[in-house]
């Protein structure tokens, strides 16, 4: 079956309906050591395509290098955020600086200035593993300030975006968050997000899934990319990727199509965040969702993932 990624899906209790694909803009941030540099005009062209649709969901972060600045330049050029498009960002500390309540408020002020907006419909607490649950939830801490910003009308809804699944489960269970964004933990190579996906609906929290390609390994294949989740992939992961790629080839399905649709087909995931570094990547990703993937391939892929001990945690 193929998947209609343009059909709107309710984003939990936020009141928003979003496409099943979200354009990630971390790659537009010129973050040395994380992504390859993207020339200014290429980044601007990609941002223009992201805001032109047909996808209505764009994700960035205060900590994504110059991503917010570049997006803001395009937004000023086109006269603001297009109607019906959800632009989400995240709060971050400055390098080696505190990640506390005052910094959270300053991070939001910076994002508003860079993006050229006066309202953030969705704001995530970003990578809270940097400070831990207690510090994030402490009186006067980041989460309390985020709630204040909602009450002040500066922010619409708040989410939490991070890595360790057990930590995200703790945040989701507080009832403070409308959305949770997990990355690299729900792919053809890693299903460590299963407990979070199983619980999120009970908590009333919408789930976003980032990095369905694991950083490129499941898009370009293990002969080209030997990294997963920003680090060298263990041998067991590379071996599983080879098995998965071979199975896809036997069924005539591109590896990237199966990897993307593995996320899109799970009803517990509202939208899948996929990074774009050039305009044509957006259309190419939408096209991957329309590739017919036979049930026989899904049945085969279910037995090919690496052992759980090499999954992310």
Protein backbone atom coordinates (compact mmCIF):
# COMPACT_ATOMS: atom_id res chain seq x y z
CA UNK A 1 0.00 0.00 0.00
CA UNK A 2 1.00 3.64 -0.44
CA UNK A 3 0.32 6.39 2.08
CA UNK A 4 -1.40 9.74 1.57
CA UNK A 5 0.88 12.04 3.54
CA UNK A 6 -1.23 15.11 2.71
CA UNK A 7 -4.34 13.89 4.51
CA UNK A 8 -4.55 16.01 7.69
CA UNK A 9 -4.06 14.28 11.03
CA UNK A 10 -5.07 15.74 14.40
CA UNK A 11 -2.01 16.71 16.43
CA UNK A 12 -3.32 15.50 19.75
CA UNK A 13 -5.11 18.17 21.76
CA UNK A 14 -3.28 21.12 20.17
CA UNK A 15 -6.16 21.91 17.79
CA UNK A 16 -3.84 21.60 14.80
CA UNK A 17 -4.21 19.20 11.89
CA UNK A 18 -0.92 18.44 10.20
CA UNK A 19 0.38 16.46 7.27
CA UNK A 20 1.95 13.09 8.00
CA UNK A 21 5.29 14.50 6.89
CA UNK A 22 7.02 17.42 8.59
CA UNK A 23 9.96 19.27 7.01
CA UNK A 24 12.96 19.22 9.34
CA UNK A 25 15.36 22.13 8.95
CA UNK A 26 18.31 21.14 11.09
CA UNK A 27 20.37 20.61 7.95
CA UNK A 28 19.86 24.26 7.03
CA UNK A 29 21.66 25.39 10.17
CA UNK A 30 25.30 24.97 9.08
CA UNK A 31 26.10 22.96 12.20
CA UNK A 32 29.69 21.83 11.71
CA UNK A 33 30.29 18.23 12.67
CA UNK A 34 26.58 17.35 12.56
CA UNK A 35 25.53 18.05 8.96
CA UNK A 36 27.34 19.01 5.79
CA UNK A 37 27.27 22.77 5.19
CA UNK A 38 24.43 24.06 3.03
CA UNK A 39 25.12 27.18 0.94
CA UNK A 40 22.99 30.20 1.79
CA UNK A 41 21.02 30.34 -1.45
CA UNK A 42 20.38 26.60 -1.42
CA UNK A 43 19.13 26.87 2.16
CA UNK A 44 16.89 29.81 1.27
CA UNK A 45 15.47 27.93 -1.73
CA UNK A 46 14.75 24.93 0.49
CA UNK A 47 12.99 27.13 3.03
CA UNK A 48 10.88 28.71 0.29
CA UNK A 49 9.83 25.24 -0.86
CA UNK A 50 9.03 24.17 2.68
CA UNK A 51 6.77 27.17 3.23
CA UNK A 52 5.13 26.84 -0.20
CA UNK A 53 3.60 23.46 0.66
CA UNK A 54 2.00 21.02 0.14
CA UNK A 55 3.27 19.92 3.57
CA UNK A 56 1.96 22.16 6.34
CA UNK A 57 4.42 21.38 9.12
CA UNK A 58 7.97 22.77 9.50
CA UNK A 59 10.30 22.05 12.41
CA UNK A 60 13.35 24.00 13.61
CA UNK A 61 15.15 24.84 16.86
CA UNK A 62 16.98 27.66 18.60
CA UNK A 63 20.01 25.38 18.69
CA UNK A 64 20.05 24.49 15.00
CA UNK A 65 22.82 26.88 14.07
CA UNK A 66 21.49 29.51 11.66
CA UNK A 67 18.34 27.56 10.76
CA UNK A 68 15.96 30.01 12.44
CA UNK A 69 17.72 33.00 10.90
CA UNK A 70 17.44 31.53 7.42
CA UNK A 71 13.81 30.58 7.89
CA UNK A 72 13.09 34.05 9.26
CA UNK A 73 14.63 35.70 6.22
CA UNK A 74 12.32 33.74 3.94
CA UNK A 75 9.30 34.43 6.15
CA UNK A 76 9.96 38.17 5.91
CA UNK A 77 10.34 37.79 2.17
CA UNK A 78 6.97 36.04 1.77
CA UNK A 79 5.11 38.12 4.30
CA UNK A 80 5.00 35.77 7.27
CA UNK A 81 4.03 32.20 8.08
CA UNK A 82 1.54 30.94 5.48
CA UNK A 83 -1.99 30.40 6.82
CA UNK A 84 -2.53 26.86 8.05
CA UNK A 85 1.17 26.04 8.34
CA UNK A 86 2.49 24.94 11.73
CA UNK A 87 5.98 26.23 12.47
CA UNK A 88 7.51 24.54 15.52
CA UNK A 89 10.73 25.41 17.28
CA UNK A 90 12.58 24.36 20.43
CA UNK A 91 14.26 25.97 23.43
CA UNK A 92 17.99 25.41 23.86
CA UNK A 93 20.80 26.62 26.10
CA UNK A 94 23.77 28.51 24.72
CA UNK A 95 26.90 26.39 24.51
CA UNK A 96 28.24 25.59 27.99
CA UNK A 97 25.58 27.86 29.48
CA UNK A 98 22.74 27.14 31.90
CA UNK A 99 19.49 25.52 30.78
CA UNK A 100 17.14 27.02 33.32
CA UNK A 101 14.00 29.15 33.45
CA UNK A 102 15.64 32.48 32.51
CA UNK A 103 17.50 30.82 29.64
CA UNK A 104 14.24 29.29 28.41
CA UNK A 105 12.62 32.72 28.24
CA UNK A 106 15.67 34.16 26.49
CA UNK A 107 15.73 31.26 24.00
CA UNK A 108 12.12 32.04 23.08
CA UNK A 109 12.87 35.74 22.69
CA UNK A 110 15.74 34.88 20.33
CA UNK A 111 13.52 32.55 18.29
CA UNK A 112 10.78 35.17 17.96
CA UNK A 113 13.32 37.73 16.77
CA UNK A 114 15.03 35.39 14.33
CA UNK A 115 11.81 34.06 12.84
CA UNK A 116 10.16 37.48 12.77
CA UNK A 117 7.00 36.27 14.53
CA UNK A 118 5.22 37.20 17.75
CA UNK A 119 3.70 33.78 18.47
CA UNK A 120 5.02 30.21 18.51
CA UNK A 121 2.22 27.67 18.00
CA UNK A 122 4.37 24.75 19.17
CA UNK A 123 7.45 24.99 21.37
CA UNK A 124 9.50 21.98 22.44
CA UNK A 125 11.80 21.50 25.39
CA UNK A 126 14.84 20.29 23.47
CA UNK A 127 17.09 17.44 24.58
CA UNK A 128 16.23 17.63 28.28
CA UNK A 129 18.70 14.82 28.91
CA UNK A 130 21.23 17.67 29.14
CA UNK A 131 19.79 18.67 32.53
CA UNK A 132 17.59 15.78 33.63
CA UNK A 133 13.95 15.45 34.64
CA UNK A 134 14.13 17.09 38.07
CA UNK A 135 15.89 20.24 36.87
CA UNK A 136 13.59 20.60 33.88
CA UNK A 137 10.45 20.26 36.03
CA UNK A 138 11.73 22.26 39.03
CA UNK A 139 9.89 25.39 40.24
CA UNK A 140 11.03 28.28 38.07
CA UNK A 141 12.66 25.84 35.65
CA UNK A 142 12.26 25.43 31.89
CA UNK A 143 8.88 23.67 31.91
CA UNK A 144 7.31 26.11 34.35
CA UNK A 145 8.49 29.02 32.19
CA UNK A 146 7.13 27.33 29.06
CA UNK A 147 3.74 27.07 30.79
CA UNK A 148 3.96 30.76 31.69
CA UNK A 149 4.60 31.60 28.04
CA UNK A 150 1.45 29.69 27.10
CA UNK A 151 -0.53 31.67 29.67
CA UNK A 152 0.97 34.90 28.31
CA UNK A 153 -0.18 34.06 24.77
CA UNK A 154 3.34 33.82 23.38
CA UNK A 155 3.22 30.04 22.90
CA UNK A 156 0.30 27.86 21.83
CA UNK A 157 1.26 24.34 22.92
CA UNK A 158 4.36 22.78 24.43
CA UNK A 159 6.17 19.58 23.60
CA UNK A 160 9.30 17.73 24.56
CA UNK A 161 11.86 16.56 21.99
CA UNK A 162 14.72 14.32 22.97
CA UNK A 163 16.51 11.01 22.90
CA UNK A 164 16.29 8.63 25.87
CA UNK A 165 12.92 6.92 25.76
CA UNK A 166 12.47 6.37 29.48
CA UNK A 167 13.09 10.07 30.07
CA UNK A 168 10.54 11.07 27.41
CA UNK A 169 8.03 8.70 29.01
CA UNK A 170 8.47 10.49 32.34
CA UNK A 171 7.85 13.86 30.73
CA UNK A 172 4.85 12.61 28.79
CA UNK A 173 3.30 11.17 31.95
CA UNK A 174 3.33 14.57 33.71
CA UNK A 175 0.42 15.86 31.62
CA UNK A 176 2.36 19.07 30.96
CA UNK A 177 3.07 18.33 27.32
CA UNK A 178 0.83 18.12 24.26
CA UNK A 179 3.45 16.60 21.95
CA UNK A 180 6.53 14.39 22.24
CA UNK A 181 9.18 14.12 19.52
CA UNK A 182 11.43 11.06 19.47
CA UNK A 183 14.28 10.54 17.03
CA UNK A 184 16.26 7.54 15.77
CA UNK A 185 14.27 5.25 18.08
CA UNK A 186 11.53 4.13 15.70
CA UNK A 187 13.13 2.88 12.49
CA UNK A 188 13.61 -0.38 10.64
CA UNK A 189 16.75 -0.80 12.79
CA UNK A 190 15.49 0.30 16.18
CA UNK A 191 12.12 0.00 17.92
CA UNK A 192 13.14 1.21 21.36
CA UNK A 193 10.37 3.84 21.25
CA UNK A 194 7.68 1.15 21.54
CA UNK A 195 6.86 1.87 25.22
CA UNK A 196 6.52 5.58 24.48
CA UNK A 197 4.26 4.97 21.49
CA UNK A 198 2.17 2.53 23.51
CA UNK A 199 1.65 4.99 26.36
CA UNK A 200 1.36 8.32 24.55
CA UNK A 201 -2.31 8.02 23.66
CA UNK A 202 -3.17 7.25 27.29
CA UNK A 203 -1.33 10.41 28.28
CA UNK A 204 -3.14 12.45 25.62
CA UNK A 205 0.19 13.22 23.95
CA UNK A 206 0.75 13.27 20.17
CA UNK A 207 3.90 11.56 18.88
CA UNK A 208 6.26 12.91 16.24
CA UNK A 209 8.98 10.63 14.89
CA UNK A 210 12.23 12.12 13.66
CA UNK A 211 15.08 10.60 11.67
CA UNK A 212 13.33 7.56 10.15
CA UNK A 213 16.46 7.07 8.03
CA UNK A 214 18.71 7.00 11.10
CA UNK A 215 20.90 9.77 9.71
CA UNK A 216 21.13 8.39 6.16
CA UNK A 217 21.92 4.73 6.70
CA UNK A 218 18.38 3.70 5.75
CA UNK A 219 18.21 6.14 2.86
CA UNK A 220 21.51 5.53 1.08
CA UNK A 221 22.29 2.06 2.38
CA UNK A 222 25.11 0.62 4.50
CA UNK A 223 27.59 0.58 1.63
CA UNK A 224 27.42 4.38 1.59
CA UNK A 225 26.64 5.38 5.19
CA UNK A 226 28.06 3.52 8.17
CA UNK A 227 26.70 5.84 10.87
CA UNK A 228 23.48 5.69 12.85
CA UNK A 229 22.15 8.39 15.19
CA UNK A 230 25.21 10.64 14.79
CA UNK A 231 27.72 7.90 15.66
CA UNK A 232 29.47 4.95 13.98
CA UNK A 233 26.96 2.12 13.65
CA UNK A 234 27.70 -1.15 15.49
CA UNK A 235 28.48 -4.14 13.31
CA UNK A 236 25.13 -5.74 14.20
CA UNK A 237 23.29 -2.65 12.97
CA UNK A 238 25.20 -2.60 9.68
CA UNK A 239 24.58 -6.31 9.17
CA UNK A 240 20.86 -5.83 9.77
CA UNK A 241 20.83 -2.90 7.35
CA UNK A 242 22.38 -5.14 4.71
CA UNK A 243 19.67 -7.76 5.27
CA UNK A 244 16.95 -5.14 5.10
CA UNK A 245 18.36 -3.59 1.94
CA UNK A 246 18.56 -7.02 0.29
CA UNK A 247 14.95 -7.80 1.22
CA UNK A 248 13.78 -4.50 -0.25
CA UNK A 249 15.69 -5.20 -3.45
CA UNK A 250 14.06 -8.64 -3.79
CA UNK A 251 10.65 -6.98 -3.63
CA UNK A 252 11.62 -4.10 -5.93
CA UNK A 253 11.11 -1.47 -3.21
CA UNK A 254 13.64 1.31 -2.55
CA UNK A 255 15.19 1.01 0.89
CA UNK A 256 14.30 4.65 1.64
CA UNK A 257 10.63 4.05 0.80
CA UNK A 258 10.34 1.15 3.23
CA UNK A 259 12.22 3.09 5.93
CA UNK A 260 9.96 6.11 5.60
CA UNK A 261 6.72 4.14 5.40
CA UNK A 262 7.67 2.10 8.46
CA UNK A 263 7.07 5.32 10.39
CA UNK A 264 4.18 6.68 8.33
CA UNK A 265 2.10 3.51 8.57
CA UNK A 266 2.08 3.43 12.38
CA UNK A 267 -1.17 5.06 13.49
CA UNK A 268 0.40 6.05 16.80
CA UNK A 269 2.71 8.50 15.00
CA UNK A 270 1.01 11.71 13.92
CA UNK A 271 3.80 13.08 11.74
CA UNK A 272 7.28 12.00 10.67
CA UNK A 273 10.03 14.62 10.62
CA UNK A 274 12.41 14.33 7.67
CA UNK A 275 15.25 16.77 7.10
CA UNK A 276 15.66 18.58 3.80
CA UNK A 277 18.83 20.28 2.57
CA UNK A 278 17.65 21.14 -0.94
CA UNK A 279 14.21 21.89 -2.44
CA UNK A 280 13.87 18.69 -4.45
CA UNK A 281 14.29 16.58 -1.32
CA UNK A 282 10.82 17.59 -0.16
CA UNK A 283 9.11 16.32 -3.32
CA UNK A 284 11.33 13.23 -3.33
CA UNK A 285 10.29 12.37 0.23
CA UNK A 286 6.61 12.79 -0.61
CA UNK A 287 7.15 10.49 -3.59
CA UNK A 288 8.66 7.79 -1.34
CA UNK A 289 5.37 7.66 0.54
CA UNK A 290 3.52 6.76 -2.64
CA UNK A 291 5.66 3.71 -3.43
CA UNK A 292 3.67 0.49 -3.16
CA UNK A 293 5.16 -1.72 -0.44
CA UNK A 294 3.74 -5.27 -0.45
CA UNK A 295 2.62 -6.91 2.76
CA UNK A 296 5.08 -9.71 2.09
CA UNK A 297 7.95 -7.28 2.47
CA UNK A 298 6.62 -5.96 5.77
CA UNK A 299 6.32 -9.53 7.00
CA UNK A 300 9.93 -10.21 6.03
CA UNK A 301 11.28 -6.97 7.50
CA UNK A 302 9.71 -7.76 10.88
CA UNK A 303 12.33 -10.45 11.44
CA UNK A 304 15.40 -8.60 10.21
CA UNK A 305 16.02 -5.90 12.81
CA UNK A 306 19.18 -6.11 14.94
CA UNK A 307 19.05 -7.39 18.53
CA UNK A 308 17.55 -5.03 21.09
CA UNK A 309 20.83 -4.66 22.97
CA UNK A 310 22.20 -2.46 20.16
CA UNK A 311 19.15 -0.19 20.00
CA UNK A 312 19.29 3.39 21.22
CA UNK A 313 18.07 4.00 24.75
